[in-house]
Amino acid sequence: MPKPNLSAHPTEVVKPDDFDQFWQEIMAEVDSIPLNATIELDPLRSSEEVEVFEVKYDSLDGLRIAGWYCLPRERDIPLPARVFYPGYISEPTLPKSHAAQGYATFGAAPRGKLRSNGTFNPGYPGLLTHNINDRDHYGYKGFYIDAVRVIDFLLEQPEVDSDRIGIQGSSQGGALTLVVSALRQQVRAASAGAPYLAGVVDAFKLTRTYPYEEINDYLGIQPEHSSAIANTWNYYDCFNFAERIQCPIIVYIGLQDDVCPPETAYPLMEKIGTSNKKLYEYEGHGHDANHHEHDHVVDAFFDDQLKPVRS
């Protein structure tokens, strides 16, 4: 029996006429909010090689957002930087090992994650459908912006080379990577694994696995909200951000992924604006996207893109 052609799957995602205006207004609001960042050394989590700092900064809705900031103790300034965005149910990473390799690193903790969940905490499951009928108050609005503000934080740090900032993540972290690359052109390189939130109106029909199953559960109770959900997601889908991405980017997927259907990766790649893009496809792998072997590809990619000092 022949294999299905995953790359031929169409998408039902629609880009609203006012998509750009919608996000332009949000970003104008964001840019008017001072970061008020605090940086506190955490001796317990620091090591002989790496200093670890707990960071807090202001974001949308008056929320205070946390993150881990790691610096090599012996450092040649300015440093290249790498940001690590978390998955849907995973908590923020503490990227000490990459700091030891000569990077300033940041483990992001958007609202709802540990240390950023005092005011907003819809839970998992919960985030995907939080205010999903209201594009202006949808849970992912602030979540996306919290991720964007990490770049703003790094741009304020004197030890960071603002021309050498890279971002990465898998699943939801892959989605945040795509969105932040689109909204902050200061990002110079990006790596997105098994990208979530891409082709959402397609994905929740292609899979019966959580988190997308949250939408099916929701529609099972309130089927009359189907069009409202599709309308909201047209403003948040990674497909509609993708053409803004201009930095070098690599994307990797597992061809047996039953969480983030691989069918959605192909139209995503077509929409990504930069010509410097590459898709890695791993047969026999699911949502892990073969990251155990692919991680060395990611490290080599960032070393190539960020380690050489730009002249």
Protein backbone atom coordinates (compact mmCIF):
# COMPACT_ATOMS: atom_id res chain seq x y z
CA MET A 1 0.00 0.00 0.00
CA PRO A 2 1.55 3.35 -1.04
CA LYS A 3 2.29 5.95 1.61
CA PRO A 4 0.12 9.07 1.66
CA ASN A 5 1.71 12.20 0.27
CA LEU A 6 1.84 14.35 3.40
CA SER A 7 3.21 17.34 1.51
CA ALA A 8 0.10 17.55 -0.66
CA HIS A 9 -2.30 18.25 2.20
CA PRO A 10 -4.13 21.57 1.72
CA THR A 11 -4.71 24.15 4.43
CA GLU A 12 -7.92 25.90 5.43
CA VAL A 13 -6.13 28.72 7.26
CA VAL A 14 -7.26 32.17 6.16
CA LYS A 15 -5.28 35.36 6.74
CA PRO A 16 -7.65 38.15 7.85
CA ASP A 17 -7.49 41.42 5.93
CA ASP A 18 -6.69 43.25 9.17
CA PHE A 19 -4.13 40.73 10.46
CA ASP A 20 -1.19 43.12 10.09
CA GLN A 21 -3.09 46.01 11.66
CA PHE A 22 -4.19 43.78 14.55
CA TRP A 23 -0.62 42.86 15.42
CA GLN A 24 0.75 46.32 14.67
CA GLU A 25 -1.56 47.74 17.33
CA ILE A 26 -0.59 45.05 19.82
CA MET A 27 3.12 45.63 19.23
CA ALA A 28 2.67 49.39 19.59
CA GLU A 29 1.12 48.75 23.00
CA VAL A 30 3.93 46.37 23.91
CA ASP A 31 6.61 48.87 22.92
CA SER A 32 5.04 51.44 25.23
CA ILE A 33 5.41 49.17 28.28
CA PRO A 34 8.75 49.54 30.12
CA LEU A 35 10.39 46.19 30.84
CA ASN A 36 11.33 47.15 34.42
CA ALA A 37 13.56 44.09 34.37
CA THR A 38 15.20 42.78 37.52
CA ILE A 39 18.16 40.40 37.49
CA GLU A 40 19.02 38.47 40.67
CA LEU A 41 21.91 36.04 40.98
CA ASP A 42 20.87 32.54 42.06
CA PRO A 43 23.92 31.05 43.82
CA LEU A 44 22.22 27.68 44.36
CA ARG A 45 21.68 27.11 40.64
CA SER A 46 25.01 28.61 39.57
CA SER A 47 28.09 26.50 39.01
CA GLU A 48 31.83 26.89 38.59
CA GLU A 49 31.30 27.48 34.88
CA VAL A 50 27.98 29.33 34.73
CA GLU A 51 26.24 32.11 36.62
CA VAL A 52 22.44 31.73 36.80
CA PHE A 53 20.14 34.68 37.31
CA GLU A 54 16.41 34.85 37.92
CA VAL A 55 14.91 37.50 35.69
CA LYS A 56 11.52 39.19 35.98
CA TYR A 57 10.01 41.70 33.57
CA ASP A 58 6.70 43.41 32.80
CA SER A 59 4.43 42.30 29.97
CA LEU A 60 0.88 42.76 28.72
CA ASP A 61 -2.02 43.01 31.21
CA GLY A 62 0.32 44.17 33.96
CA LEU A 63 1.74 40.66 34.45
CA ARG A 64 5.21 40.09 35.85
CA ILE A 65 6.97 37.37 33.84
CA ALA A 66 9.96 35.26 34.93
CA GLY A 67 12.87 33.56 33.21
CA TRP A 68 16.28 32.00 33.77
CA TYR A 69 19.27 33.92 32.41
CA CYS A 70 22.61 32.10 32.26
CA LEU A 71 26.07 33.50 31.54
CA PRO A 72 29.46 31.80 31.29
CA ARG A 73 31.67 32.97 34.13
CA GLU A 74 34.59 33.35 31.74
CA ARG A 75 33.19 35.32 28.86
CA ASP A 76 34.38 37.29 25.90
CA ILE A 77 31.97 40.18 25.56
CA PRO A 78 29.85 40.68 23.58
CA LEU A 79 28.23 37.25 23.73
CA PRO A 80 25.95 35.53 21.23
CA ALA A 81 22.61 34.60 22.79
CA ARG A 82 20.21 31.67 22.58
CA VAL A 83 16.62 31.65 23.85
CA PHE A 84 14.83 28.42 24.77
CA TYR A 85 11.02 28.39 24.62
CA PRO A 86 9.02 25.69 26.47
CA GLY A 87 6.51 23.17 25.17
CA TYR A 88 2.82 23.13 26.08
CA ILE A 89 3.01 20.99 29.21
CA SER A 90 6.73 21.36 29.93
CA GLU A 91 8.18 23.91 32.29
CA PRO A 92 10.95 26.42 31.52
CA THR A 93 14.37 24.98 30.90
CA LEU A 94 17.52 26.06 32.72
CA PRO A 95 19.97 26.24 29.79
CA LYS A 96 23.24 26.08 31.72
CA SER A 97 24.97 23.63 29.38
CA HIS A 98 24.67 25.98 26.41
CA ALA A 99 25.88 28.91 28.49
CA ALA A 100 28.98 26.86 29.23
CA GLN A 101 29.53 26.74 25.45
CA GLY A 102 29.92 30.52 25.31
CA TYR A 103 26.35 31.75 24.93
CA ALA A 104 24.19 34.05 26.98
CA THR A 105 21.11 31.83 27.35
CA PHE A 106 17.55 32.45 28.45
CA GLY A 107 14.97 29.88 29.55
CA ALA A 108 11.62 31.58 28.93
CA ALA A 109 8.62 31.18 31.25
CA PRO A 110 5.56 32.80 29.62
CA ARG A 111 2.44 33.36 31.71
CA GLY A 112 1.02 30.18 33.20
CA LYS A 113 4.46 28.57 33.52
CA LEU A 114 6.26 28.14 36.84
CA ARG A 115 7.13 31.46 38.49
CA SER A 116 4.91 33.27 35.96
CA ASN A 117 1.60 31.76 37.03
CA GLY A 118 0.62 33.84 40.04
CA THR A 119 -2.05 35.81 38.17
CA PHE A 120 -2.72 33.86 34.98
CA ASN A 121 -2.86 30.08 35.22
CA PRO A 122 -5.41 28.37 32.92
CA GLY A 123 -3.57 25.07 33.23
CA TYR A 124 -2.74 22.32 30.76
CA PRO A 125 -5.24 21.45 29.37
CA GLY A 126 -6.74 24.91 29.45
CA LEU A 127 -4.47 27.39 27.71
CA LEU A 128 -5.48 26.43 24.17
CA THR A 129 -9.16 27.22 24.76
CA HIS A 130 -8.79 30.11 27.23
CA ASN A 131 -11.07 32.88 25.85
CA ILE A 132 -10.82 31.21 22.45
CA ASN A 133 -13.95 32.98 21.21
CA ASP A 134 -12.42 36.43 21.75
CA ARG A 135 -9.43 37.36 19.60
CA ASP A 136 -8.67 40.42 21.77
CA HIS A 137 -8.50 38.50 25.04
CA TYR A 138 -7.40 35.07 23.86
CA GLY A 139 -4.88 33.41 26.19
CA TYR A 140 -2.20 33.16 23.55
CA LYS A 141 -2.14 36.92 22.97
CA GLY A 142 -0.26 37.56 26.20
CA PHE A 143 1.60 34.26 25.94
CA TYR A 144 3.07 35.25 22.56
CA ILE A 145 4.02 38.69 23.85
CA ASP A 146 5.73 37.29 26.94
CA ALA A 147 7.96 35.35 24.53
CA VAL A 148 8.62 38.45 22.44
CA ARG A 149 9.68 40.42 25.52
CA VAL A 150 12.58 38.02 26.08
CA ILE A 151 14.20 39.52 22.98
CA ASP A 152 13.59 43.00 24.37
CA PHE A 153 15.31 41.94 27.59
CA LEU A 154 18.37 40.62 25.75
CA LEU A 155 18.64 43.78 23.69
CA GLU A 156 19.01 45.73 26.94
CA GLN A 157 21.88 43.60 28.27
CA PRO A 158 25.34 45.12 27.67
CA GLU A 159 27.05 41.71 27.52
CA VAL A 160 24.81 40.50 24.66
CA ASP A 161 25.63 41.14 21.01
CA SER A 162 22.31 42.36 19.62
CA ASP A 163 23.31 41.13 16.16
CA ARG A 164 23.74 37.53 17.34
CA ILE A 165 20.49 36.41 18.97
CA GLY A 166 19.06 32.97 18.15
CA ILE A 167 15.87 31.33 19.38
CA GLN A 168 14.65 27.76 19.54
CA GLY A 169 12.03 25.36 20.85
CA SER A 170 9.97 22.32 19.97
CA SER A 171 6.21 21.83 19.83
CA GLN A 172 4.77 24.94 21.51
CA GLY A 173 8.36 26.14 21.75
CA GLY A 174 8.55 25.75 17.98
CA ALA A 175 5.42 27.87 17.60
CA LEU A 176 6.85 30.59 19.83
CA THR A 177 10.05 30.48 17.80
CA LEU A 178 8.10 31.13 14.60
CA VAL A 179 6.01 33.93 16.08
CA VAL A 180 8.90 35.73 17.76
CA SER A 181 11.03 35.45 14.61
CA ALA A 182 8.19 37.17 12.77
CA LEU A 183 7.57 39.91 15.33
CA ARG A 184 11.15 40.78 16.26
CA GLN A 185 13.48 41.19 13.29
CA GLN A 186 16.45 41.34 15.67
CA VAL A 187 16.32 37.53 15.76
CA ARG A 188 19.21 36.34 13.58
CA ALA A 189 18.64 32.57 13.56
CA ALA A 190 15.84 30.19 14.57
CA SER A 191 15.20 26.48 15.03
CA ALA A 192 11.65 25.12 15.33
CA GLY A 193 10.95 21.46 16.08
CA ALA A 194 7.58 19.73 15.55
CA PRO A 195 5.87 23.12 15.32
CA TYR A 196 2.59 23.42 17.17
CA LEU A 197 -0.06 26.09 16.41
CA ALA A 198 0.59 25.90 12.68
CA GLY A 199 -2.46 25.14 10.59
CA VAL A 200 -4.60 24.82 13.71
CA VAL A 201 -7.94 24.54 11.89
CA ASP A 202 -6.40 21.68 9.92
CA ALA A 203 -4.57 20.05 12.82
CA PHE A 204 -7.46 19.52 15.21
CA LYS A 205 -9.26 17.65 12.42
CA LEU A 206 -6.20 15.52 11.62
CA THR A 207 -5.48 14.33 15.15
CA ARG A 208 -7.34 13.15 18.24
CA THR A 209 -4.40 13.79 20.53
CA TYR A 210 -4.03 16.51 23.12
CA PRO A 211 -3.49 19.46 23.14
CA TYR A 212 -5.49 19.88 19.90
CA GLU A 213 -8.14 17.57 21.30
CA GLU A 214 -8.99 20.42 23.70
CA ILE A 215 -10.65 22.15 20.76
CA ASN A 216 -12.59 19.03 19.83
CA ASP A 217 -13.70 18.67 23.44
CA TYR A 218 -14.81 22.29 23.45
CA LEU A 219 -16.74 21.93 20.20
CA GLY A 220 -18.35 18.74 21.49
CA ILE A 221 -20.06 20.88 24.11
CA GLN A 222 -20.50 24.10 22.11
CA PRO A 223 -20.48 23.21 18.40
CA GLU A 224 -22.08 26.54 17.52
CA HIS A 225 -18.73 28.23 18.30
CA SER A 226 -16.88 26.53 15.45
CA SER A 227 -16.74 29.61 13.20
CA ALA A 228 -15.77 31.89 16.11
CA ILE A 229 -12.86 29.60 17.00
CA ALA A 230 -11.66 29.56 13.40
CA ASN A 231 -11.88 33.34 13.28
CA THR A 232 -9.82 33.74 16.46
CA TRP A 233 -7.19 31.32 15.28
CA ASN A 234 -6.73 33.07 11.97
CA TYR A 235 -5.14 35.88 14.01
CA TYR A 236 -2.80 33.57 15.94
CA ASP A 237 -1.86 30.82 13.50
CA CYS A 238 1.85 30.52 12.74
CA PHE A 239 0.98 30.23 9.05
CA ASN A 240 -0.06 33.87 9.03
CA PHE A 241 3.14 35.04 10.73
CA ALA A 242 5.47 32.96 8.60
CA GLU A 243 5.95 35.32 5.66
CA ARG A 244 7.47 37.87 8.04
CA ILE A 245 10.32 35.53 9.01
CA GLN A 246 13.51 36.75 7.34
CA CYS A 247 16.26 35.10 9.39
CA PRO A 248 17.86 31.73 8.62
CA ILE A 249 15.64 28.98 10.05
CA ILE A 250 15.62 25.21 10.32
CA VAL A 251 12.48 23.16 11.02
CA TYR A 252 12.42 19.47 11.94
CA ILE A 253 9.51 17.05 12.17
CA GLY A 254 8.68 13.41 12.82
CA LEU A 255 6.68 11.89 9.99
CA GLN A 256 4.65 9.81 12.46
CA ASP A 257 3.82 12.75 14.75
CA ASP A 258 0.27 12.31 16.07
CA VAL A 259 0.40 15.49 18.19
CA CYS A 260 1.41 18.11 15.62
CA PRO A 261 0.48 16.53 12.28
CA PRO A 262 3.39 16.59 9.81
CA GLU A 263 0.93 17.53 7.06
CA THR A 264 0.93 21.07 8.47
CA ALA A 265 4.71 21.50 8.18
CA TYR A 266 4.83 21.61 4.38
CA PRO A 267 2.52 24.58 3.78
CA LEU A 268 4.28 26.27 6.71
CA MET A 269 7.64 25.95 4.97
CA GLU A 270 6.17 27.38 1.79
CA LYS A 271 4.93 30.43 3.68
CA ILE A 272 8.16 31.21 5.57
CA GLY A 273 9.52 34.39 4.02
CA THR A 274 13.26 33.76 4.03
CA SER A 275 14.90 31.68 1.31
CA ASN A 276 17.44 30.50 3.91
CA LYS A 277 15.25 27.73 5.34
CA LYS A 278 15.52 23.96 5.60
CA LEU A 279 13.11 21.20 6.64
CA TYR A 280 14.43 18.00 8.25
CA GLU A 281 12.02 15.04 8.04
CA TYR A 282 12.51 11.99 10.25
CA GLU A 283 10.85 8.73 9.27
CA GLY A 284 9.85 6.51 12.19
CA HIS A 285 9.65 9.37 14.65
CA GLY A 286 6.64 10.97 16.30
CA HIS A 287 6.41 14.17 18.31
CA ASP A 288 9.98 13.75 19.52
CA ALA A 289 11.03 14.68 15.95
CA ASN A 290 14.25 12.73 16.54
CA HIS A 291 15.56 15.54 18.70
CA HIS A 292 18.04 13.25 20.47
CA GLU A 293 19.98 12.94 17.22
CA HIS A 294 18.92 16.25 15.72
CA ASP A 295 20.12 18.34 18.67
CA HIS A 296 23.66 18.28 17.30
CA VAL A 297 22.32 19.70 14.02
CA VAL A 298 20.70 22.53 15.97
CA ASP A 299 23.89 23.26 17.92
CA ALA A 300 25.97 23.28 14.74
CA PHE A 301 23.44 25.57 13.07
CA PHE A 302 23.60 28.15 15.85
CA ASP A 303 27.39 27.92 16.10
CA ASP A 304 27.58 28.66 12.38
CA GLN A 305 25.05 31.49 12.47
CA LEU A 306 25.95 33.15 15.77
CA LYS A 307 29.48 32.31 16.85
CA PRO A 308 31.34 34.23 14.11
CA VAL A 309 31.47 37.88 15.08
CA ARG A 310 29.70 39.99 12.50
CA SER A 311 31.98 42.56 10.89
